N, C-alpha and C. Protein backbone atom coordinates (compact mmCIF):
# COMPACT_ATOMS: atom_id res chain seq x y z
N UNK A 1 8.72 7.26 -11.08
CA UNK A 1 8.68 6.81 -9.69
C UNK A 1 7.96 5.46 -9.61
N UNK A 2 8.58 4.47 -8.99
CA UNK A 2 7.97 3.15 -8.88
C UNK A 2 6.89 3.17 -7.81
N UNK A 3 6.04 2.13 -7.86
CA UNK A 3 4.98 2.03 -6.86
C UNK A 3 5.56 1.87 -5.46
N UNK A 4 6.68 1.14 -5.36
CA UNK A 4 7.30 0.94 -4.05
C UNK A 4 7.78 2.27 -3.48
N UNK A 5 8.45 3.06 -4.32
CA UNK A 5 8.94 4.37 -3.88
C UNK A 5 7.79 5.27 -3.48
N UNK A 6 6.72 5.24 -4.28
CA UNK A 6 5.55 6.07 -3.99
C UNK A 6 4.92 5.66 -2.66
N UNK A 7 4.83 4.36 -2.41
CA UNK A 7 4.24 3.87 -1.17
C UNK A 7 5.07 4.28 0.04
N UNK A 8 6.40 4.23 -0.13
CA UNK A 8 7.28 4.62 0.97
C UNK A 8 7.11 6.11 1.28
N UNK A 9 7.05 6.93 0.23
CA UNK A 9 6.88 8.37 0.43
C UNK A 9 5.53 8.66 1.09
N UNK A 10 4.49 7.98 0.66
CA UNK A 10 3.17 8.19 1.25
C UNK A 10 3.15 7.75 2.72
N UNK A 11 3.91 6.70 3.02
CA UNK A 11 3.95 6.18 4.39
C UNK A 11 4.54 7.20 5.35
N UNK A 12 5.57 7.92 4.90
CA UNK A 12 6.26 8.86 5.77
C UNK A 12 5.78 10.30 5.64
N UNK A 13 5.03 10.61 4.59
CA UNK A 13 4.61 12.00 4.34
C UNK A 13 3.53 12.44 5.33
N UNK A 14 3.61 13.70 5.72
CA UNK A 14 2.60 14.27 6.61
C UNK A 14 1.42 14.80 5.80
N UNK A 15 0.21 14.54 6.30
CA UNK A 15 -1.01 15.08 5.71
C UNK A 15 -1.49 16.26 6.56
N UNK A 16 -2.34 17.11 6.02
CA UNK A 16 -2.89 18.21 6.83
C UNK A 16 -3.55 17.72 8.11
N UNK A 17 -4.24 16.58 8.04
CA UNK A 17 -4.91 16.07 9.24
C UNK A 17 -3.88 15.63 10.28
N UNK A 18 -2.73 15.14 9.84
CA UNK A 18 -1.67 14.77 10.78
C UNK A 18 -1.18 16.00 11.54
N UNK A 19 -0.98 17.08 10.80
CA UNK A 19 -0.50 18.32 11.42
C UNK A 19 -1.53 18.86 12.41
N UNK A 20 -2.80 18.82 12.02
CA UNK A 20 -3.86 19.34 12.89
C UNK A 20 -3.96 18.54 14.19
N UNK A 21 -3.94 17.22 14.07
CA UNK A 21 -4.06 16.38 15.26
C UNK A 21 -2.80 16.49 16.12
N UNK A 22 -1.64 16.54 15.49
CA UNK A 22 -0.40 16.69 16.25
C UNK A 22 -0.40 18.01 17.02
N UNK A 23 -0.91 19.07 16.40
CA UNK A 23 -1.01 20.36 17.08
C UNK A 23 -1.94 20.27 18.28
N UNK A 24 -3.06 19.56 18.11
CA UNK A 24 -4.02 19.40 19.21
C UNK A 24 -3.39 18.61 20.36
N UNK A 25 -2.65 17.56 20.03
CA UNK A 25 -1.96 16.78 21.06
C UNK A 25 -0.94 17.66 21.77
N UNK A 26 -0.24 18.49 21.00
CA UNK A 26 0.75 19.39 21.58
C UNK A 26 0.14 20.38 22.55
N UNK A 27 -0.98 20.97 22.17
CA UNK A 27 -1.65 21.94 23.04
C UNK A 27 -2.12 21.26 24.33
N UNK A 28 -2.75 20.08 24.19
CA UNK A 28 -3.23 19.35 25.37
C UNK A 28 -2.06 18.97 26.27
N UNK A 29 -0.97 18.52 25.66
CA UNK A 29 0.21 18.15 26.44
C UNK A 29 0.80 19.36 27.15
N UNK A 30 0.83 20.50 26.45
CA UNK A 30 1.35 21.72 27.06
C UNK A 30 0.57 22.12 28.30
N UNK A 31 -0.74 21.96 28.25
CA UNK A 31 -1.57 22.25 29.42
C UNK A 31 -1.23 21.32 30.58
N UNK A 32 -0.97 20.05 30.26
CA UNK A 32 -0.59 19.09 31.29
C UNK A 32 0.78 19.44 31.86
N UNK A 33 1.74 19.78 30.98
CA UNK A 33 3.07 20.18 31.46
C UNK A 33 2.95 21.35 32.42
N UNK A 34 2.18 22.35 32.00
CA UNK A 34 2.01 23.57 32.80
C UNK A 34 1.39 23.25 34.16
N UNK A 35 0.34 22.44 34.16
CA UNK A 35 -0.31 22.08 35.41
C UNK A 35 0.61 21.29 36.32
N UNK A 36 1.40 20.39 35.72
CA UNK A 36 2.29 19.56 36.54
C UNK A 36 3.44 20.37 37.13
N UNK A 37 3.79 21.47 36.48
CA UNK A 37 4.81 22.35 37.07
C UNK A 37 4.44 22.75 38.49
N UNK A 38 3.17 23.04 38.70
CA UNK A 38 2.71 23.50 40.00
C UNK A 38 2.52 22.33 40.97
N UNK A 39 2.11 21.18 40.44
CA UNK A 39 2.02 19.98 41.29
C UNK A 39 3.41 19.59 41.77
N UNK A 40 4.39 19.64 40.87
CA UNK A 40 5.75 19.24 41.22
C UNK A 40 6.37 20.15 42.27
N UNK A 41 5.91 21.40 42.34
CA UNK A 41 6.47 22.36 43.28
C UNK A 41 6.28 21.92 44.73
N UNK A 42 5.20 21.18 45.02
CA UNK A 42 5.02 20.66 46.37
C UNK A 42 5.29 19.16 46.46
N UNK A 43 5.10 18.43 45.35
CA UNK A 43 5.31 16.98 45.37
C UNK A 43 6.78 16.62 45.48
N UNK A 44 7.63 17.27 44.70
CA UNK A 44 9.05 16.90 44.68
C UNK A 44 9.76 17.16 46.01
N UNK A 45 9.53 18.31 46.67
CA UNK A 45 10.15 18.49 47.99
C UNK A 45 9.70 17.44 49.00
N UNK A 46 8.44 17.02 48.90
CA UNK A 46 7.93 15.99 49.80
C UNK A 46 8.65 14.66 49.57
N UNK A 47 8.78 14.28 48.30
CA UNK A 47 9.47 13.03 47.96
C UNK A 47 10.96 13.11 48.30
N UNK A 48 11.55 14.29 48.11
CA UNK A 48 12.97 14.47 48.43
C UNK A 48 13.22 14.29 49.92
N UNK A 49 12.25 14.71 50.73
CA UNK A 49 12.39 14.55 52.18
C UNK A 49 12.31 13.09 52.59
N UNK A 50 11.55 12.31 51.82
CA UNK A 50 11.42 10.88 52.11
C UNK A 50 12.66 10.12 51.64
N UNK A 51 13.02 10.32 50.36
CA UNK A 51 14.22 9.70 49.79
C UNK A 51 14.66 10.53 48.59
N UNK A 52 15.78 11.23 48.70
CA UNK A 52 16.25 12.07 47.59
C UNK A 52 16.39 11.29 46.29
N UNK A 53 15.85 11.86 45.22
CA UNK A 53 15.93 11.22 43.91
C UNK A 53 14.64 10.57 43.46
N UNK A 54 13.71 10.32 44.39
CA UNK A 54 12.48 9.62 44.03
C UNK A 54 11.51 10.50 43.24
N UNK A 55 11.72 11.80 43.27
CA UNK A 55 10.86 12.68 42.46
C UNK A 55 10.98 12.37 40.98
N UNK A 56 12.10 11.77 40.59
CA UNK A 56 12.32 11.43 39.18
C UNK A 56 11.32 10.40 38.67
N UNK A 57 10.63 9.72 39.56
CA UNK A 57 9.58 8.79 39.14
C UNK A 57 8.52 9.47 38.29
N UNK A 58 8.32 10.77 38.53
CA UNK A 58 7.22 11.47 37.88
C UNK A 58 7.66 12.45 36.79
N UNK A 59 8.96 12.50 36.50
CA UNK A 59 9.43 13.40 35.44
C UNK A 59 8.79 13.08 34.09
N UNK A 60 8.42 11.82 33.89
CA UNK A 60 7.88 11.41 32.59
C UNK A 60 6.57 12.11 32.25
N UNK A 61 5.93 12.72 33.23
CA UNK A 61 4.74 13.51 32.94
C UNK A 61 5.11 14.64 31.98
N UNK A 62 6.38 15.05 31.99
CA UNK A 62 6.84 16.12 31.11
C UNK A 62 7.30 15.61 29.74
N UNK A 63 7.33 14.29 29.55
CA UNK A 63 7.75 13.81 28.23
C UNK A 63 6.96 12.62 27.69
N UNK A 64 5.82 12.32 28.31
CA UNK A 64 4.96 11.25 27.79
C UNK A 64 4.44 11.57 26.40
N UNK A 65 4.41 12.85 26.07
CA UNK A 65 3.83 13.30 24.80
C UNK A 65 4.57 12.75 23.59
N UNK A 66 5.87 12.50 23.73
CA UNK A 66 6.64 11.99 22.60
C UNK A 66 6.17 10.63 22.13
N UNK A 67 6.20 9.61 23.01
CA UNK A 67 5.69 8.30 22.61
C UNK A 67 4.22 8.33 22.20
N UNK A 68 3.40 9.13 22.90
CA UNK A 68 1.98 9.20 22.55
C UNK A 68 1.80 9.75 21.14
N UNK A 69 2.52 10.81 20.81
CA UNK A 69 2.41 11.40 19.47
C UNK A 69 2.81 10.40 18.39
N UNK A 70 3.87 9.67 18.63
CA UNK A 70 4.33 8.69 17.65
C UNK A 70 3.33 7.55 17.48
N UNK A 71 2.74 7.10 18.56
CA UNK A 71 1.74 6.03 18.48
C UNK A 71 0.52 6.46 17.68
N UNK A 72 0.13 7.72 17.80
CA UNK A 72 -1.07 8.20 17.12
C UNK A 72 -0.78 8.65 15.69
N UNK A 73 0.21 9.50 15.50
CA UNK A 73 0.49 10.08 14.18
C UNK A 73 1.25 9.12 13.28
N UNK A 74 2.22 8.40 13.87
CA UNK A 74 3.01 7.40 13.14
C UNK A 74 3.77 7.98 11.96
N UNK A 75 4.34 9.14 12.16
CA UNK A 75 5.17 9.78 11.14
C UNK A 75 6.48 10.22 11.79
N UNK A 76 7.60 10.14 11.06
CA UNK A 76 8.85 10.65 11.60
C UNK A 76 8.71 12.13 11.97
N UNK A 77 9.22 12.49 13.13
CA UNK A 77 9.14 13.88 13.58
C UNK A 77 7.91 14.18 14.42
N UNK A 78 7.04 13.20 14.63
CA UNK A 78 5.82 13.44 15.41
C UNK A 78 6.14 13.92 16.81
N UNK A 79 7.10 13.26 17.45
CA UNK A 79 7.45 13.63 18.82
C UNK A 79 8.06 15.03 18.88
N UNK A 80 8.90 15.35 17.90
CA UNK A 80 9.53 16.68 17.86
C UNK A 80 8.47 17.76 17.72
N UNK A 81 7.55 17.58 16.78
CA UNK A 81 6.50 18.56 16.52
C UNK A 81 5.65 18.76 17.78
N UNK A 82 5.17 17.68 18.35
CA UNK A 82 4.27 17.76 19.50
C UNK A 82 4.98 18.35 20.72
N UNK A 83 6.22 17.93 20.96
CA UNK A 83 6.95 18.47 22.11
C UNK A 83 7.20 19.96 21.99
N UNK A 84 7.50 20.42 20.78
CA UNK A 84 7.75 21.85 20.59
C UNK A 84 6.46 22.66 20.77
N UNK A 85 5.35 22.15 20.24
CA UNK A 85 4.07 22.84 20.44
C UNK A 85 3.71 22.85 21.92
N UNK A 86 3.87 21.70 22.58
CA UNK A 86 3.57 21.62 24.00
C UNK A 86 4.42 22.57 24.83
N UNK A 87 5.70 22.65 24.49
CA UNK A 87 6.61 23.55 25.22
C UNK A 87 6.23 25.01 24.99
N UNK A 88 5.82 25.34 23.77
CA UNK A 88 5.41 26.71 23.48
C UNK A 88 4.18 27.09 24.30
N UNK A 89 3.22 26.17 24.39
CA UNK A 89 2.02 26.42 25.19
C UNK A 89 2.40 26.59 26.66
N UNK A 90 3.25 25.71 27.14
CA UNK A 90 3.70 25.78 28.53
C UNK A 90 4.36 27.12 28.84
N UNK A 91 5.21 27.59 27.94
CA UNK A 91 5.89 28.86 28.17
C UNK A 91 4.94 30.05 28.08
N UNK A 92 3.98 29.98 27.16
CA UNK A 92 3.01 31.07 27.03
C UNK A 92 2.15 31.21 28.29
N UNK A 93 1.85 30.08 28.92
CA UNK A 93 1.06 30.11 30.14
C UNK A 93 1.89 30.57 31.34
N UNK A 94 3.20 30.41 31.21
CA UNK A 94 4.10 30.85 32.27
C UNK A 94 4.52 29.71 33.19
N UNK A 95 5.83 29.63 33.44
CA UNK A 95 6.32 28.65 34.41
C UNK A 95 7.62 29.13 35.02
N UNK A 96 8.20 28.29 35.88
CA UNK A 96 9.39 28.69 36.63
C UNK A 96 10.70 28.33 35.94
N UNK A 97 10.61 27.70 34.76
CA UNK A 97 11.82 27.27 34.06
C UNK A 97 12.20 28.26 32.95
N UNK A 98 13.47 28.24 32.58
CA UNK A 98 13.94 29.14 31.52
C UNK A 98 13.48 28.62 30.16
N UNK A 99 13.39 29.53 29.20
CA UNK A 99 12.99 29.16 27.84
C UNK A 99 13.97 28.16 27.24
N UNK A 100 15.26 28.40 27.44
CA UNK A 100 16.26 27.50 26.86
C UNK A 100 16.16 26.10 27.45
N UNK A 101 15.94 26.00 28.77
CA UNK A 101 15.83 24.68 29.39
C UNK A 101 14.63 23.93 28.84
N UNK A 102 13.50 24.60 28.75
CA UNK A 102 12.27 23.94 28.30
C UNK A 102 12.40 23.45 26.86
N UNK A 103 12.87 24.30 25.97
CA UNK A 103 12.91 23.91 24.56
C UNK A 103 14.05 22.95 24.23
N UNK A 104 15.20 23.15 24.84
CA UNK A 104 16.32 22.22 24.59
C UNK A 104 15.99 20.84 25.11
N UNK A 105 15.46 20.76 26.33
CA UNK A 105 15.11 19.45 26.88
C UNK A 105 13.99 18.80 26.08
N UNK A 106 13.04 19.61 25.59
CA UNK A 106 11.94 19.07 24.78
C UNK A 106 12.45 18.44 23.49
N UNK A 107 13.41 19.09 22.85
CA UNK A 107 13.96 18.56 21.60
C UNK A 107 14.72 17.27 21.84
N UNK A 108 15.56 17.25 22.88
CA UNK A 108 16.31 16.03 23.17
C UNK A 108 15.38 14.88 23.57
N UNK A 109 14.38 15.18 24.38
CA UNK A 109 13.40 14.16 24.75
C UNK A 109 12.73 13.59 23.51
N UNK A 110 12.33 14.46 22.61
CA UNK A 110 11.64 14.02 21.40
C UNK A 110 12.53 13.14 20.54
N UNK A 111 13.78 13.52 20.39
CA UNK A 111 14.70 12.74 19.55
C UNK A 111 14.89 11.34 20.10
N UNK A 112 14.98 11.22 21.42
CA UNK A 112 15.16 9.89 22.00
C UNK A 112 13.86 9.10 22.01
N UNK A 113 12.72 9.78 22.07
CA UNK A 113 11.43 9.09 21.90
C UNK A 113 11.34 8.52 20.49
N UNK A 114 11.78 9.30 19.52
CA UNK A 114 11.75 8.88 18.12
C UNK A 114 12.68 7.69 17.88
N UNK A 115 13.80 7.66 18.58
CA UNK A 115 14.84 6.66 18.33
C UNK A 115 14.30 5.23 18.37
N UNK A 116 13.48 4.93 19.38
CA UNK A 116 12.97 3.56 19.52
C UNK A 116 12.14 3.15 18.31
N UNK A 117 11.29 4.05 17.83
CA UNK A 117 10.45 3.74 16.67
C UNK A 117 11.27 3.76 15.38
N UNK A 118 12.28 4.64 15.32
CA UNK A 118 13.14 4.70 14.14
C UNK A 118 13.93 3.41 13.97
N UNK A 119 14.27 2.76 15.07
CA UNK A 119 15.00 1.49 15.00
C UNK A 119 14.21 0.44 14.22
N UNK A 120 12.90 0.58 14.22
CA UNK A 120 12.03 -0.35 13.49
C UNK A 120 11.45 0.32 12.24
N UNK A 121 12.14 1.38 11.78
CA UNK A 121 11.78 2.09 10.55
C UNK A 121 10.36 2.64 10.59
N UNK A 122 9.90 3.01 11.76
CA UNK A 122 8.55 3.56 11.95
C UNK A 122 7.48 2.61 11.39
N UNK A 123 7.67 1.32 11.64
CA UNK A 123 6.70 0.33 11.15
C UNK A 123 6.22 -0.63 12.24
N UNK A 124 6.74 -0.49 13.42
CA UNK A 124 6.31 -1.36 14.52
C UNK A 124 5.74 -0.48 15.63
N UNK A 125 4.46 -0.69 15.93
CA UNK A 125 3.75 0.18 16.86
C UNK A 125 3.11 -0.66 17.96
N UNK A 126 3.93 -1.12 18.88
CA UNK A 126 3.47 -2.03 19.92
C UNK A 126 3.75 -1.45 21.30
N UNK A 127 3.16 -2.09 22.30
CA UNK A 127 3.40 -1.67 23.68
C UNK A 127 4.88 -1.77 24.02
N UNK A 128 5.54 -2.82 23.57
CA UNK A 128 6.95 -3.00 23.90
C UNK A 128 7.82 -1.89 23.31
N UNK A 129 7.52 -1.45 22.09
CA UNK A 129 8.29 -0.36 21.48
C UNK A 129 7.98 0.96 22.19
N UNK A 130 6.74 1.13 22.59
CA UNK A 130 6.37 2.33 23.36
C UNK A 130 7.14 2.37 24.68
N UNK A 131 7.26 1.23 25.33
CA UNK A 131 8.03 1.15 26.58
C UNK A 131 9.50 1.45 26.33
N UNK A 132 10.02 0.94 25.21
CA UNK A 132 11.42 1.21 24.86
C UNK A 132 11.62 2.70 24.59
N UNK A 133 10.65 3.31 23.94
CA UNK A 133 10.70 4.75 23.68
C UNK A 133 10.73 5.53 24.99
N UNK A 134 9.87 5.14 25.93
CA UNK A 134 9.86 5.78 27.24
C UNK A 134 11.18 5.60 27.98
N UNK A 135 11.76 4.40 27.85
CA UNK A 135 13.04 4.12 28.50
C UNK A 135 14.16 4.97 27.92
N UNK A 136 14.24 5.04 26.59
CA UNK A 136 15.28 5.85 25.95
C UNK A 136 15.17 7.31 26.37
N UNK A 137 13.93 7.81 26.40
CA UNK A 137 13.72 9.21 26.78
C UNK A 137 14.12 9.44 28.23
N UNK A 138 13.81 8.48 29.08
CA UNK A 138 14.16 8.59 30.50
C UNK A 138 15.67 8.61 30.70
N UNK A 139 16.38 7.76 29.99
CA UNK A 139 17.84 7.72 30.11
C UNK A 139 18.44 9.06 29.67
N UNK A 140 17.94 9.56 28.54
CA UNK A 140 18.44 10.86 28.05
C UNK A 140 18.18 11.96 29.07
N UNK A 141 16.93 12.04 29.56
CA UNK A 141 16.57 13.14 30.46
C UNK A 141 17.28 12.99 31.80
N UNK A 142 17.46 11.75 32.24
CA UNK A 142 18.17 11.53 33.48
C UNK A 142 19.59 12.06 33.43
N UNK A 143 20.30 11.76 32.34
CA UNK A 143 21.67 12.26 32.19
C UNK A 143 21.68 13.77 31.94
N UNK A 144 20.69 14.26 31.20
CA UNK A 144 20.59 15.70 30.95
C UNK A 144 20.50 16.47 32.26
N UNK A 145 19.66 15.98 33.17
CA UNK A 145 19.51 16.64 34.46
C UNK A 145 20.79 16.55 35.28
N UNK A 146 21.44 15.39 35.26
CA UNK A 146 22.66 15.21 36.04
C UNK A 146 23.75 16.18 35.61
N UNK A 147 23.89 16.37 34.32
CA UNK A 147 25.01 17.17 33.82
C UNK A 147 24.70 18.65 33.64
N UNK A 148 23.42 19.02 33.58
CA UNK A 148 23.10 20.42 33.33
C UNK A 148 22.25 21.07 34.43
N UNK A 149 21.66 20.27 35.31
CA UNK A 149 20.83 20.84 36.37
C UNK A 149 21.30 20.43 37.76
N UNK A 150 21.74 19.18 37.90
CA UNK A 150 22.15 18.68 39.22
C UNK A 150 23.67 18.74 39.36
N UNK A 151 24.25 19.90 39.13
CA UNK A 151 25.70 20.03 39.24
C UNK A 151 26.17 19.61 40.63
N UNK A 152 27.24 18.84 40.66
CA UNK A 152 27.77 18.38 41.93
C UNK A 152 27.22 17.04 42.36
N UNK A 153 26.21 16.53 41.67
CA UNK A 153 25.65 15.22 41.98
C UNK A 153 26.30 14.18 41.08
N UNK A 154 26.99 13.23 41.67
CA UNK A 154 27.65 12.18 40.89
C UNK A 154 26.65 11.11 40.48
N UNK A 155 26.84 10.57 39.28
CA UNK A 155 25.99 9.48 38.81
C UNK A 155 26.04 8.30 39.77
N UNK A 156 27.19 8.10 40.41
CA UNK A 156 27.37 6.93 41.27
C UNK A 156 27.13 7.22 42.74
N UNK A 157 26.63 8.41 43.04
CA UNK A 157 26.24 8.72 44.41
C UNK A 157 24.87 8.10 44.68
N UNK A 158 24.48 8.05 45.95
CA UNK A 158 23.18 7.49 46.30
C UNK A 158 22.06 8.26 45.60
N UNK A 159 22.20 9.58 45.57
CA UNK A 159 21.19 10.42 44.91
C UNK A 159 21.17 10.13 43.41
N UNK A 160 22.36 10.07 42.79
CA UNK A 160 22.43 9.84 41.35
C UNK A 160 21.85 8.50 40.94
N UNK A 161 22.17 7.47 41.70
CA UNK A 161 21.67 6.12 41.39
C UNK A 161 20.15 6.07 41.56
N UNK A 162 19.67 6.62 42.68
CA UNK A 162 18.22 6.63 42.92
C UNK A 162 17.51 7.41 41.82
N UNK A 163 18.07 8.55 41.47
CA UNK A 163 17.49 9.39 40.41
C UNK A 163 17.38 8.63 39.10
N UNK A 164 18.44 7.98 38.66
CA UNK A 164 18.43 7.29 37.37
C UNK A 164 17.48 6.09 37.38
N UNK A 165 17.47 5.33 38.46
CA UNK A 165 16.57 4.18 38.55
C UNK A 165 15.12 4.65 38.51
N UNK A 166 14.80 5.67 39.30
CA UNK A 166 13.43 6.19 39.33
C UNK A 166 13.05 6.81 37.99
N UNK A 167 14.00 7.49 37.35
CA UNK A 167 13.74 8.09 36.04
C UNK A 167 13.35 7.02 35.03
N UNK A 168 14.09 5.92 35.02
CA UNK A 168 13.82 4.85 34.05
C UNK A 168 12.51 4.14 34.35
N UNK A 169 12.22 3.92 35.63
CA UNK A 169 10.94 3.30 35.99
C UNK A 169 9.78 4.19 35.55
N UNK A 170 9.88 5.48 35.86
CA UNK A 170 8.83 6.41 35.46
C UNK A 170 8.71 6.52 33.96
N UNK A 171 9.84 6.52 33.25
CA UNK A 171 9.81 6.60 31.80
C UNK A 171 9.09 5.43 31.17
N UNK A 172 9.39 4.23 31.66
CA UNK A 172 8.74 3.04 31.11
C UNK A 172 7.25 3.03 31.44
N UNK A 173 6.90 3.32 32.70
CA UNK A 173 5.50 3.20 33.13
C UNK A 173 4.63 4.36 32.64
N UNK A 174 5.12 5.58 32.73
CA UNK A 174 4.30 6.74 32.36
C UNK A 174 4.40 7.04 30.87
N UNK A 175 5.63 7.25 30.38
CA UNK A 175 5.80 7.59 28.96
C UNK A 175 5.59 6.39 28.05
N UNK A 176 5.85 5.18 28.55
CA UNK A 176 5.69 3.99 27.74
C UNK A 176 4.33 3.34 27.87
N UNK A 177 4.04 2.80 29.06
CA UNK A 177 2.80 2.05 29.27
C UNK A 177 1.58 2.97 29.28
N UNK A 178 1.64 4.06 30.05
CA UNK A 178 0.48 4.95 30.12
C UNK A 178 0.15 5.54 28.76
N UNK A 179 1.17 5.94 28.01
CA UNK A 179 0.93 6.51 26.68
C UNK A 179 0.27 5.50 25.77
N UNK A 180 0.69 4.23 25.87
CA UNK A 180 0.09 3.18 25.04
C UNK A 180 -1.40 3.04 25.35
N UNK A 181 -1.75 2.94 26.63
CA UNK A 181 -3.15 2.74 26.99
C UNK A 181 -3.98 4.01 26.78
N UNK A 182 -3.35 5.16 26.84
CA UNK A 182 -4.05 6.39 26.50
C UNK A 182 -4.37 6.39 25.01
N UNK A 183 -3.41 5.96 24.20
CA UNK A 183 -3.64 5.83 22.76
C UNK A 183 -4.78 4.85 22.47
N UNK A 184 -4.79 3.71 23.16
CA UNK A 184 -5.85 2.71 22.97
C UNK A 184 -7.20 3.30 23.36
N UNK A 185 -7.24 4.03 24.48
CA UNK A 185 -8.50 4.63 24.93
C UNK A 185 -9.02 5.65 23.93
N UNK A 186 -8.12 6.46 23.38
CA UNK A 186 -8.53 7.44 22.37
C UNK A 186 -9.03 6.73 21.13
N UNK A 187 -8.35 5.65 20.75
CA UNK A 187 -8.76 4.89 19.56
C UNK A 187 -10.16 4.31 19.72
N UNK A 188 -10.49 3.88 20.92
CA UNK A 188 -11.81 3.29 21.17
C UNK A 188 -12.95 4.28 20.92
N UNK A 189 -12.66 5.57 21.04
CA UNK A 189 -13.70 6.57 20.83
C UNK A 189 -14.02 6.77 19.35
N UNK A 190 -13.16 6.25 18.48
CA UNK A 190 -13.36 6.44 17.04
C UNK A 190 -12.69 7.69 16.51
N UNK A 191 -12.01 8.43 17.40
CA UNK A 191 -11.38 9.69 16.98
C UNK A 191 -10.22 9.48 16.02
N UNK A 192 -9.69 8.26 15.98
CA UNK A 192 -8.52 8.00 15.13
C UNK A 192 -8.86 7.16 13.90
N UNK A 193 -10.13 7.13 13.53
CA UNK A 193 -10.54 6.29 12.40
C UNK A 193 -9.87 6.70 11.09
N UNK A 194 -9.45 7.96 10.98
CA UNK A 194 -8.81 8.44 9.75
C UNK A 194 -7.31 8.16 9.75
N UNK A 195 -6.84 7.54 10.82
CA UNK A 195 -5.41 7.24 10.95
C UNK A 195 -5.18 5.74 10.91
N UNK A 196 -4.03 5.36 10.40
CA UNK A 196 -3.68 3.94 10.39
C UNK A 196 -3.59 3.41 11.81
N UNK A 197 -3.22 4.27 12.75
CA UNK A 197 -3.13 3.85 14.15
C UNK A 197 -4.49 3.42 14.68
N UNK A 198 -5.53 4.18 14.36
CA UNK A 198 -6.87 3.82 14.80
C UNK A 198 -7.39 2.59 14.10
N UNK A 199 -7.15 2.49 12.81
CA UNK A 199 -7.62 1.33 12.05
C UNK A 199 -6.91 0.05 12.46
N UNK A 200 -5.67 0.18 12.91
CA UNK A 200 -4.93 -1.02 13.30
C UNK A 200 -5.51 -1.68 14.53
N UNK A 201 -6.22 -0.92 15.35
CA UNK A 201 -6.83 -1.47 16.56
C UNK A 201 -8.32 -1.73 16.40
N UNK A 202 -8.87 -1.37 15.26
CA UNK A 202 -10.32 -1.47 15.08
C UNK A 202 -10.88 -2.87 15.27
N UNK A 203 -10.28 -3.93 14.70
CA UNK A 203 -10.86 -5.26 14.85
C UNK A 203 -10.86 -5.76 16.28
N UNK A 204 -9.77 -5.43 17.00
CA UNK A 204 -9.65 -5.93 18.37
C UNK A 204 -8.79 -4.98 19.17
N UNK A 205 -9.33 -4.44 20.23
CA UNK A 205 -8.59 -3.54 21.10
C UNK A 205 -8.38 -4.23 22.43
N UNK A 206 -7.13 -4.52 22.73
CA UNK A 206 -6.81 -5.22 23.98
C UNK A 206 -6.48 -4.22 25.09
């Protein structure tokens, strides 16, 4: 095995500490998902009464974990692992959604979160890529809802257009920008010193 091959394998390989931290992120995210289920129960009807489709601005609270996991762990599959753990925690605590909806949507969200970072071979970890990750996830989830939950709602209807625009705005701002600054805030505490993500921000944290 050449040094180059060994370095590539080490770059992508998961360590025990990666698994432990990813599990912790998943549990914390699951608690947030679960809590937001109850917030959304009164928030979304209120927003729907004001302008149907605007509730989609906040859907990213259910998928911010994907970009955040990738920014911290920096390994392929980080978003998938964290989303599945988070979904398991959410279901164990109890919610109003079906098991199939929660886990299927979590997997698709994770795959599209991964896509943005995979495009750069998991070597570019910037705010812009995090925003792209949030955007990709928002587009996926927006269409997923239209075709599997919002039956009878056309993409080109007023509701469909408002929904998709709000979904993408929320995806970029919450799953993209918020996840980036949450990662930076965690890094400032020194909790990520054992990770390349934490060391990459050590000299200067903007």
